[in-house]
Amino acid sequence: MDELTVAIVKLAWFLVILVIVAIITYRALGAVDYSKIFKARSTWQIRTLVLLVSIIVGGLIAYIFVEFISLLQNIIQ
């Protein structure tokens, strides 16, 4: 495969994993009671924080996965 195709495949995998992990993380973090940390009536701040943390965790896991697959491909070749 040429470099452009490899880059597109990596990007596609990254985005798919990012979305899946971010959704799972968002649902998991949504089960936590944040009322002891935040003030009353601060739901949008809590949701924003949970969303950002979910995206960051999803991005990290997706990056690690894509780099791991690239490493395995380099070892096999």
PDB file of N, CA and C in Angstrom:
ATOM      1  N   MET A   1       0.835  -1.188   0.000  1.00  0.00           N
ATOM      2  CA  MET A   1       0.000   0.000   0.000  1.00  0.00           C
ATOM      3  C   MET A   1       0.878   1.248   0.000  1.00  0.00           C
ATOM      4  N   ASP A   2       0.389   2.268  -0.646  1.00  0.00           N
ATOM      5  CA  ASP A   2       1.148   3.513  -0.645  1.00  0.00           C
ATOM      6  C   ASP A   2       0.904   4.269   0.666  1.00  0.00           C
ATOM      7  N   GLU A   3       1.673   5.316   0.872  1.00  0.00           N
ATOM      8  CA  GLU A   3       1.637   6.039   2.146  1.00  0.00           C
ATOM      9  C   GLU A   3       0.303   6.728   2.401  1.00  0.00           C
ATOM     10  N   LEU A   4      -0.324   7.228   1.351  1.00  0.00           N
ATOM     11  CA  LEU A   4      -1.605   7.905   1.515  1.00  0.00           C
ATOM     12  C   LEU A   4      -2.684   6.938   1.987  1.00  0.00           C
ATOM     13  N   THR A   5      -2.709   5.763   1.422  1.00  0.00           N
ATOM     14  CA  THR A   5      -3.691   4.758   1.821  1.00  0.00           C
ATOM     15  C   THR A   5      -3.479   4.340   3.269  1.00  0.00           C
ATOM     16  N   VAL A   6      -2.235   4.153   3.647  1.00  0.00           N
ATOM     17  CA  VAL A   6      -1.923   3.777   5.027  1.00  0.00           C
ATOM     18  C   VAL A   6      -2.365   4.879   5.987  1.00  0.00           C
ATOM     19  N   ALA A   7      -2.122   6.123   5.622  1.00  0.00           N
ATOM     20  CA  ALA A   7      -2.519   7.241   6.478  1.00  0.00           C
ATOM     21  C   ALA A   7      -4.037   7.324   6.612  1.00  0.00           C
ATOM     22  N   ILE A   8      -4.750   7.080   5.529  1.00  0.00           N
ATOM     23  CA  ILE A   8      -6.214   7.127   5.571  1.00  0.00           C
ATOM     24  C   ILE A   8      -6.761   5.993   6.430  1.00  0.00           C
ATOM     25  N   VAL A   9      -6.180   4.812   6.308  1.00  0.00           N
ATOM     26  CA  VAL A   9      -6.623   3.672   7.118  1.00  0.00           C
ATOM     27  C   VAL A   9      -6.350   3.934   8.597  1.00  0.00           C
ATOM     28  N   LYS A  10      -5.178   4.479   8.901  1.00  0.00           N
ATOM     29  CA  LYS A  10      -4.856   4.809  10.296  1.00  0.00           C
ATOM     30  C   LYS A  10      -5.831   5.842  10.854  1.00  0.00           C
ATOM     31  N   LEU A  11      -6.129   6.850  10.056  1.00  0.00           N
ATOM     32  CA  LEU A  11      -7.064   7.882  10.492  1.00  0.00           C
ATOM     33  C   LEU A  11      -8.454   7.305  10.723  1.00  0.00           C
ATOM     34  N   ALA A  12      -8.884   6.433   9.837  1.00  0.00           N
ATOM     35  CA  ALA A  12     -10.204   5.814   9.989  1.00  0.00           C
ATOM     36  C   ALA A  12     -10.264   4.987  11.268  1.00  0.00           C
ATOM     37  N   TRP A  13      -9.242   4.177  11.502  1.00  0.00           N
ATOM     38  CA  TRP A  13      -9.203   3.379  12.730  1.00  0.00           C
ATOM     39  C   TRP A  13      -9.173   4.276  13.960  1.00  0.00           C
ATOM     40  N   PHE A  14      -8.376   5.334  13.892  1.00  0.00           N
ATOM     41  CA  PHE A  14      -8.278   6.260  15.017  1.00  0.00           C
ATOM     42  C   PHE A  14      -9.641   6.855  15.348  1.00  0.00           C
ATOM     43  N   LEU A  15     -10.356   7.308  14.331  1.00  0.00           N
ATOM     44  CA  LEU A  15     -11.654   7.936  14.564  1.00  0.00           C
ATOM     45  C   LEU A  15     -12.690   6.947  15.087  1.00  0.00           C
ATOM     46  N   VAL A  16     -12.684   5.743  14.548  1.00  0.00           N
ATOM     47  CA  VAL A  16     -13.641   4.729  15.005  1.00  0.00           C
ATOM     48  C   VAL A  16     -13.389   4.384  16.468  1.00  0.00           C
ATOM     49  N   ILE A  17     -12.139   4.144  16.806  1.00  0.00           N
ATOM     50  CA  ILE A  17     -11.803   3.793  18.187  1.00  0.00           C
ATOM     51  C   ILE A  17     -12.074   4.974  19.113  1.00  0.00           C
ATOM     52  N   LEU A  18     -11.753   6.171  18.666  1.00  0.00           N
ATOM     53  CA  LEU A  18     -12.008   7.368  19.469  1.00  0.00           C
ATOM     54  C   LEU A  18     -13.482   7.492  19.817  1.00  0.00           C
ATOM     55  N   VAL A  19     -14.336   7.345  18.841  1.00  0.00           N
ATOM     56  CA  VAL A  19     -15.775   7.493  19.080  1.00  0.00           C
ATOM     57  C   VAL A  19     -16.285   6.400  20.014  1.00  0.00           C
ATOM     58  N   ILE A  20     -15.887   5.168  19.773  1.00  0.00           N
ATOM     59  CA  ILE A  20     -16.373   4.057  20.599  1.00  0.00           C
ATOM     60  C   ILE A  20     -15.915   4.209  22.050  1.00  0.00           C
ATOM     61  N   VAL A  21     -14.635   4.481  22.238  1.00  0.00           N
ATOM     62  CA  VAL A  21     -14.107   4.603  23.600  1.00  0.00           C
ATOM     63  C   VAL A  21     -14.664   5.846  24.289  1.00  0.00           C
ATOM     64  N   ALA A  22     -14.831   6.926  23.550  1.00  0.00           N
ATOM     65  CA  ALA A  22     -15.383   8.142  24.149  1.00  0.00           C
ATOM     66  C   ALA A  22     -16.819   7.915  24.615  1.00  0.00           C
ATOM     67  N   ILE A  23     -17.597   7.191  23.842  1.00  0.00           N
ATOM     68  CA  ILE A  23     -18.975   6.901  24.249  1.00  0.00           C
ATOM     69  C   ILE A  23     -18.997   6.026  25.493  1.00  0.00           C
ATOM     70  N   ILE A  24     -18.171   5.003  25.505  1.00  0.00           N
ATOM     71  CA  ILE A  24     -18.116   4.112  26.673  1.00  0.00           C
ATOM     72  C   ILE A  24     -17.645   4.875  27.907  1.00  0.00           C
ATOM     73  N   THR A  25     -16.623   5.696  27.745  1.00  0.00           N
ATOM     74  CA  THR A  25     -16.105   6.474  28.870  1.00  0.00           C
ATOM     75  C   THR A  25     -17.132   7.488  29.357  1.00  0.00           C
ATOM     76  N   TYR A  26     -17.834   8.117  28.432  1.00  0.00           N
ATOM     77  CA  TYR A  26     -18.857   9.094  28.808  1.00  0.00           C
ATOM     78  C   TYR A  26     -19.956   8.432  29.632  1.00  0.00           C
ATOM     79  N   ARG A  27     -20.369   7.255  29.186  1.00  0.00           N
ATOM     80  CA  ARG A  27     -21.410   6.532  29.932  1.00  0.00           C
ATOM     81  C   ARG A  27     -20.901   6.115  31.316  1.00  0.00           C
ATOM     82  N   ALA A  28     -19.654   5.685  31.378  1.00  0.00           N
ATOM     83  CA  ALA A  28     -19.095   5.257  32.663  1.00  0.00           C
ATOM     84  C   ALA A  28     -18.929   6.441  33.611  1.00  0.00           C
ATOM     85  N   LEU A  29     -18.433   7.556  33.098  1.00  0.00           N
ATOM     86  CA  LEU A  29     -18.256   8.731  33.948  1.00  0.00           C
ATOM     87  C   LEU A  29     -19.587   9.369  34.320  1.00  0.00           C
ATOM     88  N   GLY A  30     -20.605   9.126  33.531  1.00  0.00           N
ATOM     89  CA  GLY A  30     -21.927   9.650  33.849  1.00  0.00           C
ATOM     90  C   GLY A  30     -22.539   9.000  35.075  1.00  0.00           C
ATOM     91  N   ALA A  31     -22.042   7.842  35.440  1.00  0.00           N
ATOM     92  CA  ALA A  31     -22.577   7.137  36.605  1.00  0.00           C
ATOM     93  C   ALA A  31     -21.985   7.644  37.919  1.00  0.00           C
ATOM     94  N   VAL A  32     -20.973   8.488  37.834  1.00  0.00           N
ATOM     95  CA  VAL A  32     -20.317   9.000  39.041  1.00  0.00           C
ATOM     96  C   VAL A  32     -21.108  10.187  39.582  1.00  0.00           C
ATOM     97  N   ASP A  33     -21.192  10.284  40.904  1.00  0.00           N
ATOM     98  CA  ASP A  33     -21.895  11.396  41.549  1.00  0.00           C
ATOM     99  C   ASP A  33     -20.913  12.545  41.775  1.00  0.00           C
ATOM    100  N   TYR A  34     -21.086  13.604  41.015  1.00  0.00           N
ATOM    101  CA  TYR A  34     -20.190  14.755  41.096  1.00  0.00           C
ATOM    102  C   TYR A  34     -20.730  15.860  41.999  1.00  0.00           C
ATOM    103  N   SER A  35     -21.840  15.630  42.656  1.00  0.00           N
ATOM    104  CA  SER A  35     -22.458  16.683  43.464  1.00  0.00           C
ATOM    105  C   SER A  35     -21.597  17.073  44.663  1.00  0.00           C
ATOM    106  N   LYS A  36     -20.720  16.201  45.092  1.00  0.00           N
ATOM    107  CA  LYS A  36     -19.855  16.522  46.227  1.00  0.00           C
ATOM    108  C   LYS A  36     -18.660  17.380  45.807  1.00  0.00           C
ATOM    109  N   ILE A  37     -18.343  17.369  44.522  1.00  0.00           N
ATOM    110  CA  ILE A  37     -17.195  18.124  44.025  1.00  0.00           C
ATOM    111  C   ILE A  37     -17.621  19.500  43.515  1.00  0.00           C
ATOM    112  N   PHE A  38     -18.746  19.545  42.804  1.00  0.00           N
ATOM    113  CA  PHE A  38     -19.211  20.786  42.186  1.00  0.00           C
ATOM    114  C   PHE A  38     -20.316  21.427  43.022  1.00  0.00           C
ATOM    115  N   LYS A  39     -20.533  22.695  42.768  1.00  0.00           N
ATOM    116  CA  LYS A  39     -21.622  23.409  43.425  1.00  0.00           C
ATOM    117  C   LYS A  39     -22.955  22.940  42.860  1.00  0.00           C
ATOM    118  N   ALA A  40     -24.013  23.279  43.571  1.00  0.00           N
ATOM    119  CA  ALA A  40     -25.352  22.944  43.090  1.00  0.00           C
ATOM    120  C   ALA A  40     -25.645  23.722  41.803  1.00  0.00           C
ATOM    121  N   ARG A  41     -26.443  23.147  40.949  1.00  0.00           N
ATOM    122  CA  ARG A  41     -26.851  23.742  39.670  1.00  0.00           C
ATOM    123  C   ARG A  41     -25.676  24.003  38.730  1.00  0.00           C
ATOM    124  N   SER A  42     -24.724  23.138  38.738  1.00  0.00           N
ATOM    125  CA  SER A  42     -23.596  23.282  37.805  1.00  0.00           C
ATOM    126  C   SER A  42     -23.550  22.090  36.851  1.00  0.00           C
ATOM    127  N   THR A  43     -24.701  21.753  36.316  1.00  0.00           N
ATOM    128  CA  THR A  43     -24.773  20.561  35.474  1.00  0.00           C
ATOM    129  C   THR A  43     -24.012  20.729  34.161  1.00  0.00           C
ATOM    130  N   TRP A  44     -24.024  21.917  33.572  1.00  0.00           N
ATOM    131  CA  TRP A  44     -23.329  22.066  32.296  1.00  0.00           C
ATOM    132  C   TRP A  44     -21.819  21.979  32.483  1.00  0.00           C
ATOM    133  N   GLN A  45     -21.311  22.421  33.627  1.00  0.00           N
ATOM    134  CA  GLN A  45     -19.879  22.281  33.891  1.00  0.00           C
ATOM    135  C   GLN A  45     -19.507  20.811  34.063  1.00  0.00           C
ATOM    136  N   ILE A  46     -20.361  20.085  34.749  1.00  0.00           N
ATOM    137  CA  ILE A  46     -20.104  18.657  34.947  1.00  0.00           C
ATOM    138  C   ILE A  46     -20.138  17.927  33.610  1.00  0.00           C
ATOM    139  N   ARG A  47     -21.141  18.211  32.809  1.00  0.00           N
ATOM    140  CA  ARG A  47     -21.243  17.547  31.501  1.00  0.00           C
ATOM    141  C   ARG A  47     -20.070  17.906  30.600  1.00  0.00           C
ATOM    142  N   THR A  48     -19.648  19.158  30.650  1.00  0.00           N
ATOM    143  CA  THR A  48     -18.503  19.574  29.837  1.00  0.00           C
ATOM    144  C   THR A  48     -17.237  18.855  30.278  1.00  0.00           C
ATOM    145  N   LEU A  49     -17.024  18.778  31.568  1.00  0.00           N
ATOM    146  CA  LEU A  49     -15.850  18.080  32.088  1.00  0.00           C
ATOM    147  C   LEU A  49     -15.870  16.605  31.705  1.00  0.00           C
ATOM    148  N   VAL A  50     -17.006  15.966  31.865  1.00  0.00           N
ATOM    149  CA  VAL A  50     -17.123  14.546  31.521  1.00  0.00           C
ATOM    150  C   VAL A  50     -16.901  14.344  30.028  1.00  0.00           C
ATOM    151  N   LEU A  51     -17.439  15.225  29.206  1.00  0.00           N
ATOM    152  CA  LEU A  51     -17.249  15.122  27.756  1.00  0.00           C
ATOM    153  C   LEU A  51     -15.783  15.287  27.378  1.00  0.00           C
ATOM    154  N   LEU A  52     -15.123  16.285  27.943  1.00  0.00           N
ATOM    155  CA  LEU A  52     -13.706  16.504  27.628  1.00  0.00           C
ATOM    156  C   LEU A  52     -12.831  15.338  28.085  1.00  0.00           C
ATOM    157  N   VAL A  53     -13.084  14.848  29.277  1.00  0.00           N
ATOM    158  CA  VAL A  53     -12.312  13.704  29.774  1.00  0.00           C
ATOM    159  C   VAL A  53     -12.556  12.482  28.894  1.00  0.00           C
ATOM    160  N   SER A  54     -13.784  12.289  28.464  1.00  0.00           N
ATOM    161  CA  SER A  54     -14.105  11.154  27.597  1.00  0.00           C
ATOM    162  C   SER A  54     -13.379  11.250  26.262  1.00  0.00           C
ATOM    163  N   ILE A  55     -13.348  12.435  25.682  1.00  0.00           N
ATOM    164  CA  ILE A  55     -12.659  12.619  24.402  1.00  0.00           C
ATOM    165  C   ILE A  55     -11.154  12.417  24.565  1.00  0.00           C
ATOM    166  N   ILE A  56     -10.599  12.920  25.648  1.00  0.00           N
ATOM    167  CA  ILE A  56      -9.161  12.763  25.885  1.00  0.00           C
ATOM    168  C   ILE A  56      -8.799  11.290  26.076  1.00  0.00           C
ATOM    169  N   VAL A  57      -9.569  10.592  26.883  1.00  0.00           N
ATOM    170  CA  VAL A  57      -9.301   9.165  27.109  1.00  0.00           C
ATOM    171  C   VAL A  57      -9.468   8.383  25.808  1.00  0.00           C
ATOM    172  N   GLY A  58     -10.515   8.691  25.065  1.00  0.00           N
ATOM    173  CA  GLY A  58     -10.722   8.023  23.782  1.00  0.00           C
ATOM    174  C   GLY A  58      -9.583   8.269  22.817  1.00  0.00           C
ATOM    175  N   GLY A  59      -9.107   9.505  22.764  1.00  0.00           N
ATOM    176  CA  GLY A  59      -7.987   9.834  21.885  1.00  0.00           C
ATOM    177  C   GLY A  59      -6.707   9.125  22.281  1.00  0.00           C
ATOM    178  N   LEU A  60      -6.451   9.063  23.569  1.00  0.00           N
ATOM    179  CA  LEU A  60      -5.244   8.372  24.035  1.00  0.00           C
ATOM    180  C   LEU A  60      -5.283   6.882  23.712  1.00  0.00           C
ATOM    181  N   ILE A  61      -6.407   6.264  23.979  1.00  0.00           N
ATOM    182  CA  ILE A  61      -6.521   4.830  23.706  1.00  0.00           C
ATOM    183  C   ILE A  61      -6.455   4.563  22.210  1.00  0.00           C
ATOM    184  N   ALA A  62      -7.098   5.401  21.414  1.00  0.00           N
ATOM    185  CA  ALA A  62      -7.045   5.232  19.961  1.00  0.00           C
ATOM    186  C   ALA A  62      -5.618   5.410  19.445  1.00  0.00           C
ATOM    187  N   TYR A  63      -4.915   6.402  19.959  1.00  0.00           N
ATOM    188  CA  TYR A  63      -3.530   6.630  19.541  1.00  0.00           C
ATOM    189  C   TYR A  63      -2.647   5.436  19.903  1.00  0.00           C
ATOM    190  N   ILE A  64      -2.804   4.948  21.120  1.00  0.00           N
ATOM    191  CA  ILE A  64      -2.011   3.797  21.551  1.00  0.00           C
ATOM    192  C   ILE A  64      -2.310   2.586  20.675  1.00  0.00           C
ATOM    193  N   PHE A  65      -3.578   2.357  20.366  1.00  0.00           N
ATOM    194  CA  PHE A  65      -3.952   1.218  19.538  1.00  0.00           C
ATOM    195  C   PHE A  65      -3.362   1.330  18.139  1.00  0.00           C
ATOM    196  N   VAL A  66      -3.490   2.490  17.516  1.00  0.00           N
ATOM    197  CA  VAL A  66      -2.980   2.676  16.152  1.00  0.00           C
ATOM    198  C   VAL A  66      -1.459   2.539  16.126  1.00  0.00           C
ATOM    199  N   GLU A  67      -0.780   3.093  17.100  1.00  0.00           N
ATOM    200  CA  GLU A  67       0.677   2.967  17.146  1.00  0.00           C
ATOM    201  C   GLU A  67       1.107   1.527  17.412  1.00  0.00           C
ATOM    202  N   PHE A  68       0.356   0.814  18.227  1.00  0.00           N
ATOM    203  CA  PHE A  68       0.665  -0.589  18.495  1.00  0.00           C
ATOM    204  C   PHE A  68       0.520  -1.421  17.228  1.00  0.00           C
ATOM    205  N   ILE A  69      -0.535  -1.176  16.470  1.00  0.00           N
ATOM    206  CA  ILE A  69      -0.727  -1.897  15.209  1.00  0.00           C
ATOM    207  C   ILE A  69       0.394  -1.557  14.228  1.00  0.00           C
ATOM    208  N   SER A  70       0.797  -0.293  14.171  1.00  0.00           N
ATOM    209  CA  SER A  70       1.906   0.102  13.293  1.00  0.00           C
ATOM    210  C   SER A  70       3.200  -0.587  13.709  1.00  0.00           C
ATOM    211  N   LEU A  71       3.427  -0.674  14.996  1.00  0.00           N
ATOM    212  CA  LEU A  71       4.620  -1.355  15.497  1.00  0.00           C
ATOM    213  C   LEU A  71       4.604  -2.829  15.115  1.00  0.00           C
ATOM    214  N   LEU A  72       3.455  -3.461  15.260  1.00  0.00           N
ATOM    215  CA  LEU A  72       3.349  -4.868  14.871  1.00  0.00           C
ATOM    216  C   LEU A  72       3.580  -5.051  13.377  1.00  0.00           C
ATOM    217  N   GLN A  73       3.070  -4.135  12.571  1.00  0.00           N
ATOM    218  CA  GLN A  73       3.287  -4.227  11.125  1.00  0.00           C
ATOM    219  C   GLN A  73       4.762  -4.079  10.787  1.00  0.00           C
ATOM    220  N   ASN A  74       5.460  -3.191  11.482  1.00  0.00           N
ATOM    221  CA  ASN A  74       6.890  -3.013  11.232  1.00  0.00           C
ATOM    222  C   ASN A  74       7.690  -4.237  11.658  1.00  0.00           C
ATOM    223  N   ILE A  75       7.267  -4.886  12.721  1.00  0.00           N
ATOM    224  CA  ILE A  75       7.966  -6.083  13.185  1.00  0.00           C
ATOM    225  C   ILE A  75       7.747  -7.234  12.210  1.00  0.00           C
ATOM    226  N   ILE A  76       6.533  -7.367  11.710  1.00  0.00           N
ATOM    227  CA  ILE A  76       6.207  -8.470  10.806  1.00  0.00           C
ATOM    228  C   ILE A  76       6.921  -8.314   9.467  1.00  0.00           C
ATOM    229  N   GLN A  77       7.064  -7.095   8.986  1.00  0.00           N
ATOM    230  CA  GLN A  77       7.678  -6.880   7.661  1.00  0.00           C
ATOM    231  C   GLN A  77       9.148  -7.054   7.684  1.00  0.00           C
TER     232      GLN A  77
END
